[in-house]
Amino acid sequence: MTNGTIDFLLQMEKKHEELDLKLMENNAGGLLYYEHPTKEIFQSGRKYEILEATGEIQQRGYVVMNNIPVAEESRALFEDRFKRRKHSVEAMPGFQAFRVLRPYKGTTYVILTQWSSKKDFEYWKASGEFQEAHELDQVKPSSYLFKNTYLATYDMYVEEEEE
């Protein structure tokens, strides 16, 4: 994935039409995301290994990326937690896709979920299933996590049609 202006990322998308690129935007700009085992197109992008994938990322929807820095010595413990997770998110209304992304460089994992709408994501956050899925987080902070986790949200970019 890589960040940039929408105009720049649209040019990249046109240049690589053979790839299934996903363009999303928020108030900070755009993000271009794609999944391919070998092809690298970004000079300054961030590369991840997909540890878990459920659903297909759609051209329309609301994307939430939970960015979680994990200490090097705790990666196996962190990854095991996701392998053993309850899969309740997949049954929620509006759920589209889920990814656990391990960085090739750096320490920040990305937990990506895509929803039909922001409203669907908010419903998930307010649900008992969410509370149950995150109850370990609420009992005590995990020692393998750094403090500067952050959430980034995006709307899938939809080109405005000319009238």
C-alpha atoms as a PDB file:
ATOM      1  CA  MET A   1       0.000   0.000   0.000  1.00  0.00           C
ATOM      2  CA  THR A   2       1.043   3.568  -0.531  1.00  0.00           C
ATOM      3  CA  ASN A   3      -0.289   7.022   0.250  1.00  0.00           C
ATOM      4  CA  GLY A   4      -0.541  10.076  -1.982  1.00  0.00           C
ATOM      5  CA  THR A   5      -2.859  12.541  -3.577  1.00  0.00           C
ATOM      6  CA  ILE A   6      -5.925  11.139  -5.293  1.00  0.00           C
ATOM      7  CA  ASP A   7      -4.704  12.480  -8.658  1.00  0.00           C
ATOM      8  CA  PHE A   8      -1.316  10.755  -8.307  1.00  0.00           C
ATOM      9  CA  LEU A   9      -2.880   7.483  -7.175  1.00  0.00           C
ATOM     10  CA  LEU A  10      -5.424   7.576 -10.021  1.00  0.00           C
ATOM     11  CA  GLN A  11      -2.489   7.826 -12.455  1.00  0.00           C
ATOM     12  CA  MET A  12      -0.875   4.788 -10.832  1.00  0.00           C
ATOM     13  CA  GLU A  13      -4.167   2.934 -11.077  1.00  0.00           C
ATOM     14  CA  LYS A  14      -4.380   3.659 -14.822  1.00  0.00           C
ATOM     15  CA  LYS A  15      -0.743   2.644 -15.324  1.00  0.00           C
ATOM     16  CA  HIS A  16      -1.375  -0.742 -13.672  1.00  0.00           C
ATOM     17  CA  GLU A  17      -4.828  -1.657 -14.944  1.00  0.00           C
ATOM     18  CA  GLU A  18      -3.849  -5.346 -14.918  1.00  0.00           C
ATOM     19  CA  LEU A  19      -3.825  -5.303 -11.099  1.00  0.00           C
ATOM     20  CA  ASP A  20      -6.875  -5.171  -8.869  1.00  0.00           C
ATOM     21  CA  LEU A  21      -5.946  -1.895  -7.178  1.00  0.00           C
ATOM     22  CA  LYS A  22      -8.196  -0.482  -4.466  1.00  0.00           C
ATOM     23  CA  LEU A  23      -8.220   3.287  -4.045  1.00  0.00           C
ATOM     24  CA  MET A  24      -9.527   4.785  -0.827  1.00  0.00           C
ATOM     25  CA  GLU A  25      -9.557   8.258   0.659  1.00  0.00           C
ATOM     26  CA  ASN A  26      -9.914  10.163   3.899  1.00  0.00           C
ATOM     27  CA  ASN A  27      -9.336  13.757   4.972  1.00  0.00           C
ATOM     28  CA  ALA A  28      -5.538  13.248   4.827  1.00  0.00           C
ATOM     29  CA  GLY A  29      -5.497  12.099   1.173  1.00  0.00           C
ATOM     30  CA  GLY A  30      -5.556   8.788  -0.610  1.00  0.00           C
ATOM     31  CA  LEU A  31      -4.290   5.265  -0.142  1.00  0.00           C
ATOM     32  CA  LEU A  32      -3.775   2.689  -2.878  1.00  0.00           C
ATOM     33  CA  TYR A  33      -3.891  -0.970  -1.823  1.00  0.00           C
ATOM     34  CA  TYR A  34      -3.436  -4.197  -3.723  1.00  0.00           C
ATOM     35  CA  GLU A  35      -2.729  -7.847  -3.044  1.00  0.00           C
ATOM     36  CA  HIS A  36      -0.247  -9.667  -5.252  1.00  0.00           C
ATOM     37  CA  PRO A  37       2.291 -12.268  -4.120  1.00  0.00           C
ATOM     38  CA  THR A  38       5.217 -11.031  -6.244  1.00  0.00           C
ATOM     39  CA  LYS A  39       4.509  -7.863  -8.218  1.00  0.00           C
ATOM     40  CA  GLU A  40       5.782  -4.659  -6.578  1.00  0.00           C
ATOM     41  CA  ILE A  41       4.722  -1.343  -8.099  1.00  0.00           C
ATOM     42  CA  PHE A  42       5.316   1.177  -5.297  1.00  0.00           C
ATOM     43  CA  GLN A  43       8.717   2.816  -4.901  1.00  0.00           C
ATOM     44  CA  SER A  44       7.933   4.078  -1.422  1.00  0.00           C
ATOM     45  CA  GLY A  45       5.092   1.790  -0.426  1.00  0.00           C
ATOM     46  CA  ARG A  46       4.627  -0.399   2.592  1.00  0.00           C
ATOM     47  CA  LYS A  47       4.735  -4.127   1.959  1.00  0.00           C
ATOM     48  CA  TYR A  48       2.912  -6.684   4.101  1.00  0.00           C
ATOM     49  CA  GLU A  49       2.455 -10.411   4.280  1.00  0.00           C
ATOM     50  CA  ILE A  50      -1.193 -11.415   4.557  1.00  0.00           C
ATOM     51  CA  LEU A  51      -1.457 -13.706   7.585  1.00  0.00           C
ATOM     52  CA  GLU A  52      -5.220 -14.047   7.459  1.00  0.00           C
ATOM     53  CA  ALA A  53      -7.751 -13.084   4.820  1.00  0.00           C
ATOM     54  CA  THR A  54     -11.513 -13.366   4.927  1.00  0.00           C
ATOM     55  CA  GLY A  55     -13.819 -11.940   2.270  1.00  0.00           C
ATOM     56  CA  GLU A  56     -12.936  -9.894  -0.797  1.00  0.00           C
ATOM     57  CA  ILE A  57     -12.086  -6.214  -0.610  1.00  0.00           C
ATOM     58  CA  GLN A  58     -14.814  -4.416  -2.524  1.00  0.00           C
ATOM     59  CA  GLN A  59     -14.696  -1.302  -4.733  1.00  0.00           C
ATOM     60  CA  ARG A  60     -17.243   0.364  -2.445  1.00  0.00           C
ATOM     61  CA  GLY A  61     -17.285   0.446   1.316  1.00  0.00           C
ATOM     62  CA  TYR A  62     -15.746   1.788   4.504  1.00  0.00           C
ATOM     63  CA  VAL A  63     -12.271   0.600   5.540  1.00  0.00           C
ATOM     64  CA  VAL A  64     -10.857   0.591   9.064  1.00  0.00           C
ATOM     65  CA  MET A  65      -7.135  -0.022   9.562  1.00  0.00           C
ATOM     66  CA  ASN A  66      -5.989  -0.642  13.110  1.00  0.00           C
ATOM     67  CA  ASN A  67      -2.219   0.005  13.085  1.00  0.00           C
ATOM     68  CA  ILE A  68      -0.564  -1.880  15.926  1.00  0.00           C
ATOM     69  CA  PRO A  69       3.179  -1.653  16.617  1.00  0.00           C
ATOM     70  CA  VAL A  70       4.370  -4.968  18.096  1.00  0.00           C
ATOM     71  CA  ALA A  71       7.723  -5.616  19.763  1.00  0.00           C
ATOM     72  CA  GLU A  72       9.934  -7.905  17.652  1.00  0.00           C
ATOM     73  CA  GLU A  73      10.165 -10.571  20.348  1.00  0.00           C
ATOM     74  CA  SER A  74       6.363 -10.645  20.706  1.00  0.00           C
ATOM     75  CA  ARG A  75       5.343 -11.132  17.075  1.00  0.00           C
ATOM     76  CA  ALA A  76       4.620 -14.862  17.457  1.00  0.00           C
ATOM     77  CA  LEU A  77       2.411 -14.241  20.504  1.00  0.00           C
ATOM     78  CA  PHE A  78       0.516 -11.454  18.722  1.00  0.00           C
ATOM     79  CA  GLU A  79      -0.001 -13.542  15.583  1.00  0.00           C
ATOM     80  CA  ASP A  80      -1.146 -16.543  17.617  1.00  0.00           C
ATOM     81  CA  ARG A  81      -3.812 -14.402  19.231  1.00  0.00           C
ATOM     82  CA  PHE A  82      -5.303 -13.693  15.787  1.00  0.00           C
ATOM     83  CA  LYS A  83      -5.065 -17.345  14.750  1.00  0.00           C
ATOM     84  CA  ARG A  84      -7.173 -18.241  17.803  1.00  0.00           C
ATOM     85  CA  ARG A  85      -9.622 -15.328  17.482  1.00  0.00           C
ATOM     86  CA  LYS A  86     -13.365 -15.740  17.410  1.00  0.00           C
ATOM     87  CA  HIS A  87     -14.695 -15.154  13.936  1.00  0.00           C
ATOM     88  CA  SER A  88     -17.759 -13.216  15.034  1.00  0.00           C
ATOM     89  CA  VAL A  89     -16.924 -10.154  12.924  1.00  0.00           C
ATOM     90  CA  GLU A  90     -17.570 -12.089   9.720  1.00  0.00           C
ATOM     91  CA  ALA A  91     -21.211 -12.672  10.704  1.00  0.00           C
ATOM     92  CA  MET A  92     -21.948  -8.995  11.351  1.00  0.00           C
ATOM     93  CA  PRO A  93     -24.258  -7.042   9.044  1.00  0.00           C
ATOM     94  CA  GLY A  94     -22.292  -5.101   6.437  1.00  0.00           C
ATOM     95  CA  PHE A  95     -19.029  -7.036   6.900  1.00  0.00           C
ATOM     96  CA  GLN A  96     -17.063  -7.332   3.647  1.00  0.00           C
ATOM     97  CA  ALA A  97     -13.418  -8.235   4.344  1.00  0.00           C
ATOM     98  CA  PHE A  98     -10.812  -8.843   7.045  1.00  0.00           C
ATOM     99  CA  ARG A  99      -7.005  -8.904   6.792  1.00  0.00           C
ATOM    100  CA  VAL A 100      -4.175  -9.379   9.272  1.00  0.00           C
ATOM    101  CA  LEU A 101      -1.110  -7.803   7.654  1.00  0.00           C
ATOM    102  CA  ARG A 102       2.438  -8.411   8.937  1.00  0.00           C
ATOM    103  CA  PRO A 103       4.988  -5.771   7.893  1.00  0.00           C
ATOM    104  CA  TYR A 104       8.080  -6.877   5.987  1.00  0.00           C
ATOM    105  CA  LYS A 105       9.875  -3.856   7.436  1.00  0.00           C
ATOM    106  CA  GLY A 106       9.137  -2.163  10.735  1.00  0.00           C
ATOM    107  CA  THR A 107       6.971  -3.268  13.630  1.00  0.00           C
ATOM    108  CA  THR A 108       3.479  -2.036  12.759  1.00  0.00           C
ATOM    109  CA  TYR A 109       0.902  -4.665  11.892  1.00  0.00           C
ATOM    110  CA  VAL A 110      -2.344  -3.624  10.201  1.00  0.00           C
ATOM    111  CA  ILE A 111      -5.684  -5.193  11.041  1.00  0.00           C
ATOM    112  CA  LEU A 112      -7.928  -4.200   8.148  1.00  0.00           C
ATOM    113  CA  THR A 113     -11.682  -4.564   8.059  1.00  0.00           C
ATOM    114  CA  GLN A 114     -14.006  -3.402   5.330  1.00  0.00           C
ATOM    115  CA  TRP A 115     -17.668  -2.658   5.852  1.00  0.00           C
ATOM    116  CA  SER A 116     -20.544  -1.707   3.576  1.00  0.00           C
ATOM    117  CA  SER A 117     -20.829   1.567   5.517  1.00  0.00           C
ATOM    118  CA  LYS A 118     -19.522   3.461   8.521  1.00  0.00           C
ATOM    119  CA  LYS A 119     -22.857   2.731  10.182  1.00  0.00           C
ATOM    120  CA  ASP A 120     -22.160  -1.026   9.912  1.00  0.00           C
ATOM    121  CA  PHE A 121     -18.748  -0.557  11.527  1.00  0.00           C
ATOM    122  CA  GLU A 122     -20.253   1.518  14.364  1.00  0.00           C
ATOM    123  CA  TYR A 123     -22.871  -1.207  14.894  1.00  0.00           C
ATOM    124  CA  TRP A 124     -20.041  -3.773  15.206  1.00  0.00           C
ATOM    125  CA  LYS A 125     -18.192  -1.588  17.728  1.00  0.00           C
ATOM    126  CA  ALA A 126     -21.328  -1.254  19.870  1.00  0.00           C
ATOM    127  CA  SER A 127     -22.152  -4.970  19.717  1.00  0.00           C
ATOM    128  CA  GLY A 128     -21.713  -7.617  22.363  1.00  0.00           C
ATOM    129  CA  GLU A 129     -19.713  -9.600  19.810  1.00  0.00           C
ATOM    130  CA  PHE A 130     -17.163  -6.778  19.644  1.00  0.00           C
ATOM    131  CA  GLN A 131     -16.919  -6.639  23.446  1.00  0.00           C
ATOM    132  CA  GLU A 132     -16.441 -10.402  23.585  1.00  0.00           C
ATOM    133  CA  ALA A 133     -13.819 -10.375  20.811  1.00  0.00           C
ATOM    134  CA  HIS A 134     -11.840  -7.646  22.591  1.00  0.00           C
ATOM    135  CA  GLU A 135     -12.290  -8.683  26.213  1.00  0.00           C
ATOM    136  CA  LEU A 136      -8.615  -9.648  26.550  1.00  0.00           C
ATOM    137  CA  ASP A 137      -7.691  -6.078  25.604  1.00  0.00           C
ATOM    138  CA  GLN A 138      -9.879  -4.700  28.366  1.00  0.00           C
ATOM    139  CA  VAL A 139      -8.594  -6.965  31.147  1.00  0.00           C
ATOM    140  CA  LYS A 140      -4.989  -5.786  30.928  1.00  0.00           C
ATOM    141  CA  PRO A 141      -2.910  -4.047  28.296  1.00  0.00           C
ATOM    142  CA  SER A 142      -0.814  -6.518  26.341  1.00  0.00           C
ATOM    143  CA  SER A 143       2.880  -6.273  27.112  1.00  0.00           C
ATOM    144  CA  TYR A 144       3.805  -6.936  23.481  1.00  0.00           C
ATOM    145  CA  LEU A 145       2.083  -3.806  22.178  1.00  0.00           C
ATOM    146  CA  PHE A 146       3.705  -0.426  21.955  1.00  0.00           C
ATOM    147  CA  LYS A 147       1.606   2.509  23.118  1.00  0.00           C
ATOM    148  CA  ASN A 148       1.202   4.339  19.818  1.00  0.00           C
ATOM    149  CA  THR A 149      -1.484   2.242  18.136  1.00  0.00           C
ATOM    150  CA  TYR A 150      -3.760   4.241  15.878  1.00  0.00           C
ATOM    151  CA  LEU A 151      -6.845   3.827  13.758  1.00  0.00           C
ATOM    152  CA  ALA A 152      -7.115   5.073  10.178  1.00  0.00           C
ATOM    153  CA  THR A 153     -10.444   5.037   8.373  1.00  0.00           C
ATOM    154  CA  TYR A 154     -11.131   5.394   4.662  1.00  0.00           C
ATOM    155  CA  ASP A 155     -14.001   5.496   2.232  1.00  0.00           C
ATOM    156  CA  MET A 156     -13.439   3.630  -0.991  1.00  0.00           C
ATOM    157  CA  TYR A 157     -12.850   6.184  -3.720  1.00  0.00           C
ATOM    158  CA  VAL A 158     -15.682   6.479  -6.191  1.00  0.00           C
ATOM    159  CA  GLU A 159     -15.072   8.687  -9.199  1.00  0.00           C
ATOM    160  CA  GLU A 160     -17.760  11.272  -9.652  1.00  0.00           C
ATOM    161  CA  GLU A 161     -19.616  10.799 -12.883  1.00  0.00           C
ATOM    162  CA  GLU A 162     -19.719  13.768 -15.210  1.00  0.00           C
ATOM    163  CA  GLU A 163     -23.169  15.008 -16.119  1.00  0.00           C
END
